Amino acid sequence: MRSFIKFLTLTLFSFFLNQAAFAAEHGTAQEAEAMVKKATAYIKTKGNESAYTEFNSVTGSFVDRDLYIFVLDLNGKILAHGANAKLLGKNLSTLKDVDNKAFIEELLTIAKSKGKGWIDYKWPNPTTKAIELKSTYFEKSGDIIVACGIYK
């Protein structure tokens, strides 16, 4: 009986330890919202070009674990992207995820009508390289949209 209790205790301890490690690797919804607000303020104080340079830096202050900032104009053109420089300058307005969801179009529509919000879609996680469910928080600021997503 004691062996079973020891085994159960170690199993539970290992489970909770793994859960804590998993949570530490991933950003939260609150962290994503805070990063968007910080990025928007950074743009206002530093200007677009300086801010975009910082957002594009994978070692910059706007990349944290699997959280990163991306910025697009109101037509869907990527102006900054903290995880994939190959997307810079590309218009992604017609981009669809693996489930054929036109998530950028949805993001643009909500940003123009409500100013901010969340969208869900599937996207490659830059740390795991796997396609994962992602929720992105975004805010319209003037003629741009600043966004940061979390992987679920």
N, C-alpha and C. Protein backbone atom coordinates (compact mmCIF):
# COMPACT_ATOMS: atom_id res chain seq x y z
N MET A 1 0.82 -1.19 0.00
CA MET A 1 0.00 0.00 0.00
C MET A 1 0.86 1.26 0.00
N ARG A 2 1.95 1.24 0.81
CA ARG A 2 2.83 2.41 0.88
C ARG A 2 3.50 2.67 -0.47
N SER A 3 3.84 1.61 -1.15
CA SER A 3 4.46 1.77 -2.47
C SER A 3 3.50 2.45 -3.44
N PHE A 4 2.23 2.06 -3.35
CA PHE A 4 1.22 2.67 -4.22
C PHE A 4 1.06 4.16 -3.90
N ILE A 5 1.02 4.50 -2.63
CA ILE A 5 0.88 5.91 -2.22
C ILE A 5 2.09 6.72 -2.68
N LYS A 6 3.27 6.16 -2.54
CA LYS A 6 4.49 6.85 -3.01
C LYS A 6 4.43 7.04 -4.53
N PHE A 7 4.02 5.99 -5.23
CA PHE A 7 3.91 6.07 -6.69
C PHE A 7 2.90 7.15 -7.09
N LEU A 8 1.74 7.14 -6.46
CA LEU A 8 0.70 8.12 -6.75
C LEU A 8 1.17 9.53 -6.45
N THR A 9 1.84 9.72 -5.33
CA THR A 9 2.37 11.03 -4.96
C THR A 9 3.39 11.52 -5.97
N LEU A 10 4.31 10.67 -6.37
CA LEU A 10 5.32 11.05 -7.36
C LEU A 10 4.68 11.34 -8.72
N THR A 11 3.68 10.55 -9.09
CA THR A 11 3.00 10.77 -10.37
C THR A 11 2.30 12.12 -10.38
N LEU A 12 1.56 12.42 -9.31
CA LEU A 12 0.87 13.71 -9.22
C LEU A 12 1.86 14.87 -9.20
N PHE A 13 2.94 14.73 -8.44
CA PHE A 13 3.96 15.77 -8.39
C PHE A 13 4.56 16.01 -9.77
N SER A 14 4.86 14.93 -10.49
CA SER A 14 5.41 15.04 -11.83
C SER A 14 4.43 15.72 -12.78
N PHE A 15 3.15 15.37 -12.67
CA PHE A 15 2.11 15.98 -13.50
C PHE A 15 2.06 17.50 -13.27
N PHE A 16 2.01 17.92 -12.02
CA PHE A 16 1.91 19.35 -11.72
C PHE A 16 3.19 20.09 -12.12
N LEU A 17 4.32 19.44 -11.98
CA LEU A 17 5.58 20.05 -12.41
C LEU A 17 5.59 20.26 -13.92
N ASN A 18 5.11 19.27 -14.67
CA ASN A 18 5.02 19.40 -16.13
C ASN A 18 4.03 20.49 -16.54
N GLN A 19 2.91 20.59 -15.84
CA GLN A 19 1.93 21.62 -16.14
C GLN A 19 2.52 23.01 -15.91
N ALA A 20 3.27 23.19 -14.85
CA ALA A 20 3.90 24.49 -14.57
C ALA A 20 4.92 24.83 -15.64
N ALA A 21 5.69 23.85 -16.08
CA ALA A 21 6.68 24.09 -17.13
C ALA A 21 5.99 24.45 -18.43
N PHE A 22 4.89 23.76 -18.75
CA PHE A 22 4.14 24.06 -19.97
C PHE A 22 3.61 25.48 -19.93
N ALA A 23 3.03 25.87 -18.80
CA ALA A 23 2.46 27.22 -18.67
C ALA A 23 3.55 28.28 -18.78
N ALA A 24 4.73 28.00 -18.28
CA ALA A 24 5.82 28.97 -18.33
C ALA A 24 6.32 29.19 -19.75
N GLU A 25 6.11 28.21 -20.65
CA GLU A 25 6.57 28.32 -22.03
C GLU A 25 5.62 29.14 -22.89
N HIS A 26 4.39 29.30 -22.45
CA HIS A 26 3.36 29.95 -23.25
C HIS A 26 2.89 31.25 -22.62
N GLY A 27 2.65 32.24 -23.48
CA GLY A 27 2.09 33.49 -23.01
C GLY A 27 0.61 33.35 -22.72
N THR A 28 0.09 34.26 -21.90
CA THR A 28 -1.32 34.25 -21.54
C THR A 28 -2.06 35.35 -22.31
N ALA A 29 -3.38 35.28 -22.24
CA ALA A 29 -4.21 36.30 -22.87
C ALA A 29 -3.92 37.68 -22.28
N GLN A 30 -3.75 37.74 -20.97
CA GLN A 30 -3.45 39.01 -20.32
C GLN A 30 -2.10 39.57 -20.78
N GLU A 31 -1.12 38.68 -20.94
CA GLU A 31 0.19 39.12 -21.41
C GLU A 31 0.13 39.61 -22.85
N ALA A 32 -0.68 38.97 -23.68
CA ALA A 32 -0.83 39.40 -25.08
C ALA A 32 -1.46 40.78 -25.14
N GLU A 33 -2.52 41.00 -24.37
CA GLU A 33 -3.16 42.32 -24.34
C GLU A 33 -2.20 43.38 -23.84
N ALA A 34 -1.46 43.06 -22.80
CA ALA A 34 -0.50 44.02 -22.25
C ALA A 34 0.59 44.34 -23.26
N MET A 35 1.04 43.34 -24.03
CA MET A 35 2.08 43.57 -25.02
C MET A 35 1.56 44.47 -26.15
N VAL A 36 0.31 44.29 -26.56
CA VAL A 36 -0.27 45.15 -27.59
C VAL A 36 -0.34 46.60 -27.10
N LYS A 37 -0.77 46.79 -25.87
CA LYS A 37 -0.85 48.14 -25.31
C LYS A 37 0.54 48.78 -25.19
N LYS A 38 1.51 47.98 -24.77
CA LYS A 38 2.89 48.46 -24.67
C LYS A 38 3.43 48.82 -26.07
N ALA A 39 3.13 47.99 -27.06
CA ALA A 39 3.60 48.24 -28.42
C ALA A 39 2.96 49.49 -29.01
N THR A 40 1.67 49.67 -28.76
CA THR A 40 0.97 50.86 -29.26
C THR A 40 1.57 52.13 -28.64
N ALA A 41 1.84 52.09 -27.36
CA ALA A 41 2.48 53.23 -26.69
C ALA A 41 3.88 53.47 -27.24
N TYR A 42 4.61 52.40 -27.52
CA TYR A 42 5.96 52.49 -28.06
C TYR A 42 5.95 53.17 -29.42
N ILE A 43 4.98 52.83 -30.25
CA ILE A 43 4.84 53.46 -31.57
C ILE A 43 4.63 54.96 -31.41
N LYS A 44 3.78 55.34 -30.46
CA LYS A 44 3.46 56.76 -30.26
C LYS A 44 4.66 57.55 -29.78
N THR A 45 5.55 56.93 -28.99
CA THR A 45 6.72 57.67 -28.48
C THR A 45 7.94 57.57 -29.40
N LYS A 46 8.12 56.44 -30.07
CA LYS A 46 9.32 56.23 -30.90
C LYS A 46 9.09 56.44 -32.39
N GLY A 47 7.83 56.42 -32.82
CA GLY A 47 7.54 56.52 -34.25
C GLY A 47 7.47 55.14 -34.89
N ASN A 48 6.82 55.09 -36.05
CA ASN A 48 6.59 53.81 -36.72
C ASN A 48 7.87 53.06 -37.06
N GLU A 49 8.78 53.69 -37.75
CA GLU A 49 9.97 52.98 -38.24
C GLU A 49 10.82 52.42 -37.11
N SER A 50 11.07 53.23 -36.09
CA SER A 50 11.85 52.76 -34.95
C SER A 50 11.14 51.62 -34.23
N ALA A 51 9.83 51.76 -34.07
CA ALA A 51 9.05 50.72 -33.40
C ALA A 51 9.06 49.43 -34.22
N TYR A 52 8.86 49.53 -35.52
CA TYR A 52 8.82 48.33 -36.36
C TYR A 52 10.16 47.59 -36.32
N THR A 53 11.24 48.34 -36.28
CA THR A 53 12.57 47.71 -36.17
C THR A 53 12.66 46.90 -34.89
N GLU A 54 12.17 47.47 -33.79
CA GLU A 54 12.19 46.75 -32.51
C GLU A 54 11.25 45.55 -32.55
N PHE A 55 10.07 45.70 -33.14
CA PHE A 55 9.12 44.59 -33.20
C PHE A 55 9.66 43.44 -34.05
N ASN A 56 10.42 43.76 -35.11
CA ASN A 56 10.95 42.75 -36.02
C ASN A 56 12.13 41.99 -35.44
N SER A 57 12.73 42.49 -34.38
CA SER A 57 13.89 41.85 -33.79
C SER A 57 13.47 40.66 -32.94
N VAL A 58 13.94 39.47 -33.31
CA VAL A 58 13.59 38.27 -32.55
C VAL A 58 14.20 38.28 -31.15
N THR A 59 15.17 39.15 -30.92
CA THR A 59 15.75 39.29 -29.59
C THR A 59 15.33 40.60 -28.93
N GLY A 60 14.37 41.29 -29.53
CA GLY A 60 13.92 42.57 -29.00
C GLY A 60 12.98 42.43 -27.81
N SER A 61 12.55 43.56 -27.31
CA SER A 61 11.72 43.58 -26.12
C SER A 61 10.25 43.26 -26.38
N PHE A 62 9.90 42.98 -27.64
CA PHE A 62 8.52 42.64 -27.98
C PHE A 62 8.38 41.20 -28.46
N VAL A 63 9.32 40.36 -28.07
CA VAL A 63 9.24 38.92 -28.29
C VAL A 63 9.50 38.26 -26.94
N ASP A 64 8.54 37.46 -26.51
CA ASP A 64 8.63 36.81 -25.20
C ASP A 64 8.04 35.41 -25.32
N ARG A 65 8.90 34.40 -25.27
CA ARG A 65 8.49 33.01 -25.45
C ARG A 65 7.78 32.84 -26.78
N ASP A 66 6.48 32.50 -26.77
CA ASP A 66 5.74 32.37 -28.02
C ASP A 66 4.90 33.61 -28.33
N LEU A 67 5.09 34.67 -27.58
CA LEU A 67 4.41 35.95 -27.83
C LEU A 67 5.29 36.84 -28.70
N TYR A 68 4.68 37.50 -29.66
CA TYR A 68 5.39 38.47 -30.48
C TYR A 68 4.37 39.44 -31.06
N ILE A 69 4.84 40.61 -31.40
CA ILE A 69 3.98 41.64 -31.99
C ILE A 69 4.01 41.51 -33.51
N PHE A 70 2.84 41.71 -34.13
CA PHE A 70 2.81 41.96 -35.56
C PHE A 70 1.90 43.14 -35.82
N VAL A 71 2.24 43.87 -36.87
CA VAL A 71 1.52 45.10 -37.22
C VAL A 71 1.13 45.00 -38.69
N LEU A 72 -0.11 45.38 -38.98
CA LEU A 72 -0.55 45.42 -40.37
C LEU A 72 -1.33 46.69 -40.63
N ASP A 73 -1.36 47.08 -41.90
CA ASP A 73 -2.16 48.26 -42.25
C ASP A 73 -3.61 47.82 -42.42
N LEU A 74 -4.48 48.77 -42.69
CA LEU A 74 -5.91 48.48 -42.76
C LEU A 74 -6.31 47.68 -44.00
N ASN A 75 -5.35 47.43 -44.89
CA ASN A 75 -5.61 46.60 -46.07
C ASN A 75 -5.04 45.19 -45.92
N GLY A 76 -4.32 44.93 -44.82
CA GLY A 76 -3.78 43.60 -44.57
C GLY A 76 -2.31 43.43 -44.88
N LYS A 77 -1.61 44.51 -45.20
CA LYS A 77 -0.17 44.43 -45.48
C LYS A 77 0.61 44.39 -44.16
N ILE A 78 1.51 43.42 -44.05
CA ILE A 78 2.31 43.26 -42.84
C ILE A 78 3.43 44.31 -42.80
N LEU A 79 3.43 45.12 -41.75
CA LEU A 79 4.42 46.18 -41.58
C LEU A 79 5.51 45.78 -40.60
N ALA A 80 5.20 44.87 -39.68
CA ALA A 80 6.17 44.35 -38.71
C ALA A 80 5.71 42.96 -38.28
N HIS A 81 6.68 42.09 -38.01
CA HIS A 81 6.33 40.73 -37.57
C HIS A 81 7.51 40.18 -36.78
N GLY A 82 7.28 39.94 -35.51
CA GLY A 82 8.34 39.51 -34.61
C GLY A 82 8.77 38.06 -34.75
N ALA A 83 8.08 37.27 -35.56
CA ALA A 83 8.45 35.86 -35.67
C ALA A 83 8.80 35.41 -37.08
N ASN A 84 8.43 36.22 -38.09
CA ASN A 84 8.66 35.77 -39.46
C ASN A 84 8.90 36.97 -40.38
N ALA A 85 10.15 37.33 -40.57
CA ALA A 85 10.52 38.48 -41.40
C ALA A 85 10.11 38.27 -42.87
N LYS A 86 9.91 37.05 -43.30
CA LYS A 86 9.51 36.78 -44.69
C LYS A 86 8.13 37.35 -45.01
N LEU A 87 7.34 37.63 -43.97
CA LEU A 87 5.99 38.16 -44.19
C LEU A 87 5.97 39.68 -44.37
N LEU A 88 7.08 40.35 -44.06
CA LEU A 88 7.12 41.81 -44.15
C LEU A 88 6.81 42.29 -45.56
N GLY A 89 5.89 43.28 -45.64
CA GLY A 89 5.53 43.86 -46.92
C GLY A 89 4.49 43.08 -47.70
N LYS A 90 4.12 41.91 -47.23
CA LYS A 90 3.14 41.09 -47.95
C LYS A 90 1.73 41.43 -47.50
N ASN A 91 0.83 41.43 -48.46
CA ASN A 91 -0.58 41.64 -48.14
C ASN A 91 -1.19 40.27 -47.85
N LEU A 92 -1.65 40.10 -46.63
CA LEU A 92 -2.19 38.81 -46.20
C LEU A 92 -3.71 38.84 -46.07
N SER A 93 -4.35 39.83 -46.65
CA SER A 93 -5.80 40.00 -46.47
C SER A 93 -6.61 38.79 -46.92
N THR A 94 -6.10 38.02 -47.86
CA THR A 94 -6.83 36.85 -48.34
C THR A 94 -6.31 35.54 -47.75
N LEU A 95 -5.37 35.63 -46.83
CA LEU A 95 -4.79 34.43 -46.22
C LEU A 95 -5.83 33.65 -45.44
N LYS A 96 -5.77 32.33 -45.57
CA LYS A 96 -6.66 31.44 -44.84
C LYS A 96 -5.82 30.45 -44.05
N ASP A 97 -6.38 30.01 -42.93
CA ASP A 97 -5.66 29.02 -42.14
C ASP A 97 -5.92 27.62 -42.71
N VAL A 98 -5.44 26.59 -42.04
CA VAL A 98 -5.57 25.22 -42.56
C VAL A 98 -7.02 24.75 -42.62
N ASP A 99 -7.90 25.42 -41.89
CA ASP A 99 -9.33 25.09 -41.93
C ASP A 99 -10.10 25.99 -42.90
N ASN A 100 -9.36 26.72 -43.74
CA ASN A 100 -9.93 27.61 -44.75
C ASN A 100 -10.63 28.84 -44.16
N LYS A 101 -10.24 29.22 -42.97
CA LYS A 101 -10.81 30.40 -42.32
C LYS A 101 -10.02 31.64 -42.76
N ALA A 102 -10.73 32.64 -43.27
CA ALA A 102 -10.11 33.90 -43.71
C ALA A 102 -9.92 34.80 -42.49
N PHE A 103 -8.95 34.47 -41.66
CA PHE A 103 -8.81 35.12 -40.37
C PHE A 103 -8.29 36.56 -40.45
N ILE A 104 -7.46 36.87 -41.42
CA ILE A 104 -6.99 38.26 -41.56
C ILE A 104 -8.15 39.15 -42.00
N GLU A 105 -8.96 38.66 -42.91
CA GLU A 105 -10.14 39.41 -43.34
C GLU A 105 -11.05 39.68 -42.14
N GLU A 106 -11.23 38.67 -41.30
CA GLU A 106 -12.05 38.84 -40.09
C GLU A 106 -11.43 39.86 -39.14
N LEU A 107 -10.11 39.76 -38.94
CA LEU A 107 -9.40 40.71 -38.08
C LEU A 107 -9.59 42.14 -38.59
N LEU A 108 -9.42 42.34 -39.89
CA LEU A 108 -9.57 43.67 -40.49
C LEU A 108 -10.99 44.21 -40.30
N THR A 109 -11.97 43.36 -40.51
CA THR A 109 -13.37 43.77 -40.37
C THR A 109 -13.67 44.21 -38.93
N ILE A 110 -13.24 43.41 -37.97
CA ILE A 110 -13.50 43.74 -36.57
C ILE A 110 -12.73 45.00 -36.16
N ALA A 111 -11.49 45.09 -36.58
CA ALA A 111 -10.68 46.27 -36.22
C ALA A 111 -11.30 47.55 -36.75
N LYS A 112 -11.79 47.51 -37.98
CA LYS A 112 -12.40 48.70 -38.59
C LYS A 112 -13.74 49.06 -37.94
N SER A 113 -14.49 48.05 -37.51
CA SER A 113 -15.82 48.33 -36.95
C SER A 113 -15.82 48.53 -35.44
N LYS A 114 -14.99 47.79 -34.72
CA LYS A 114 -15.02 47.85 -33.25
C LYS A 114 -13.74 48.41 -32.63
N GLY A 115 -12.66 48.45 -33.41
CA GLY A 115 -11.41 49.00 -32.90
C GLY A 115 -10.49 48.01 -32.22
N LYS A 116 -11.04 46.92 -31.70
CA LYS A 116 -10.21 45.91 -31.04
C LYS A 116 -11.00 44.63 -30.90
N GLY A 117 -10.29 43.55 -30.58
CA GLY A 117 -10.98 42.28 -30.38
C GLY A 117 -10.04 41.10 -30.39
N TRP A 118 -10.63 39.92 -30.41
CA TRP A 118 -9.91 38.65 -30.45
C TRP A 118 -10.41 37.84 -31.64
N ILE A 119 -9.52 37.09 -32.27
CA ILE A 119 -9.90 36.12 -33.30
C ILE A 119 -9.17 34.81 -33.03
N ASP A 120 -9.79 33.72 -33.44
CA ASP A 120 -9.20 32.38 -33.30
C ASP A 120 -8.94 31.80 -34.69
N TYR A 121 -7.81 31.11 -34.82
CA TYR A 121 -7.43 30.47 -36.08
C TYR A 121 -6.28 29.52 -35.80
N LYS A 122 -5.83 28.82 -36.81
CA LYS A 122 -4.69 27.92 -36.65
C LYS A 122 -3.48 28.52 -37.37
N TRP A 123 -2.31 28.46 -36.70
CA TRP A 123 -1.11 29.10 -37.21
C TRP A 123 0.12 28.37 -36.71
N PRO A 124 1.23 28.38 -37.48
CA PRO A 124 2.45 27.71 -37.00
C PRO A 124 3.03 28.40 -35.77
N ASN A 125 3.30 27.63 -34.75
CA ASN A 125 3.94 28.14 -33.55
C ASN A 125 5.43 28.27 -33.83
N PRO A 126 6.01 29.48 -33.65
CA PRO A 126 7.44 29.64 -33.97
C PRO A 126 8.38 28.84 -33.07
N THR A 127 7.93 28.46 -31.88
CA THR A 127 8.80 27.69 -31.00
C THR A 127 8.69 26.19 -31.23
N THR A 128 7.49 25.69 -31.56
CA THR A 128 7.31 24.25 -31.76
C THR A 128 7.29 23.86 -33.23
N LYS A 129 7.06 24.82 -34.12
CA LYS A 129 6.94 24.62 -35.57
C LYS A 129 5.67 23.85 -35.96
N ALA A 130 4.82 23.55 -35.00
CA ALA A 130 3.58 22.81 -35.28
C ALA A 130 2.43 23.79 -35.52
N ILE A 131 1.46 23.37 -36.32
CA ILE A 131 0.24 24.15 -36.51
C ILE A 131 -0.59 24.01 -35.23
N GLU A 132 -0.92 25.14 -34.61
CA GLU A 132 -1.65 25.11 -33.34
C GLU A 132 -2.79 26.11 -33.37
N LEU A 133 -3.75 25.89 -32.49
CA LEU A 133 -4.84 26.84 -32.32
C LEU A 133 -4.26 28.10 -31.70
N LYS A 134 -4.61 29.23 -32.28
CA LYS A 134 -4.09 30.51 -31.81
C LYS A 134 -5.25 31.48 -31.65
N SER A 135 -5.16 32.31 -30.61
CA SER A 135 -6.08 33.42 -30.41
C SER A 135 -5.25 34.68 -30.43
N THR A 136 -5.68 35.65 -31.22
CA THR A 136 -4.92 36.90 -31.34
C THR A 136 -5.76 38.08 -30.88
N TYR A 137 -5.13 38.88 -30.02
CA TYR A 137 -5.72 40.13 -29.58
C TYR A 137 -5.16 41.24 -30.45
N PHE A 138 -6.01 42.19 -30.84
CA PHE A 138 -5.55 43.28 -31.70
C PHE A 138 -6.28 44.57 -31.35
N GLU A 139 -5.59 45.68 -31.65
CA GLU A 139 -6.17 47.02 -31.47
C GLU A 139 -5.80 47.87 -32.67
N LYS A 140 -6.79 48.59 -33.15
CA LYS A 140 -6.57 49.56 -34.23
C LYS A 140 -6.03 50.83 -33.60
N SER A 141 -4.98 51.37 -34.19
CA SER A 141 -4.38 52.61 -33.72
C SER A 141 -4.10 53.47 -34.95
N GLY A 142 -4.98 54.43 -35.20
CA GLY A 142 -4.85 55.24 -36.41
C GLY A 142 -5.09 54.38 -37.63
N ASP A 143 -4.09 54.32 -38.52
CA ASP A 143 -4.25 53.55 -39.76
C ASP A 143 -3.51 52.21 -39.73
N ILE A 144 -3.24 51.71 -38.53
CA ILE A 144 -2.57 50.41 -38.38
C ILE A 144 -3.30 49.55 -37.34
N ILE A 145 -2.98 48.28 -37.35
CA ILE A 145 -3.50 47.35 -36.37
C ILE A 145 -2.31 46.66 -35.71
N VAL A 146 -2.27 46.71 -34.39
CA VAL A 146 -1.19 46.10 -33.60
C VAL A 146 -1.77 44.84 -32.96
N ALA A 147 -1.07 43.73 -33.10
CA ALA A 147 -1.61 42.44 -32.65
C ALA A 147 -0.57 41.56 -31.97
N CYS A 148 -1.08 40.69 -31.10
CA CYS A 148 -0.24 39.69 -30.43
C CYS A 148 -1.14 38.51 -30.12
N GLY A 149 -0.65 37.30 -30.38
CA GLY A 149 -1.47 36.12 -30.18
C GLY A 149 -0.89 35.17 -29.16
N ILE A 150 -1.77 34.30 -28.70
CA ILE A 150 -1.38 33.24 -27.78
C ILE A 150 -1.68 31.90 -28.43
N TYR A 151 -0.84 30.95 -28.18
CA TYR A 151 -1.06 29.58 -28.66
C TYR A 151 -1.73 28.80 -27.55
N LYS A 152 -2.74 28.03 -27.91
CA LYS A 152 -3.52 27.30 -26.89
C LYS A 152 -3.09 25.86 -26.80
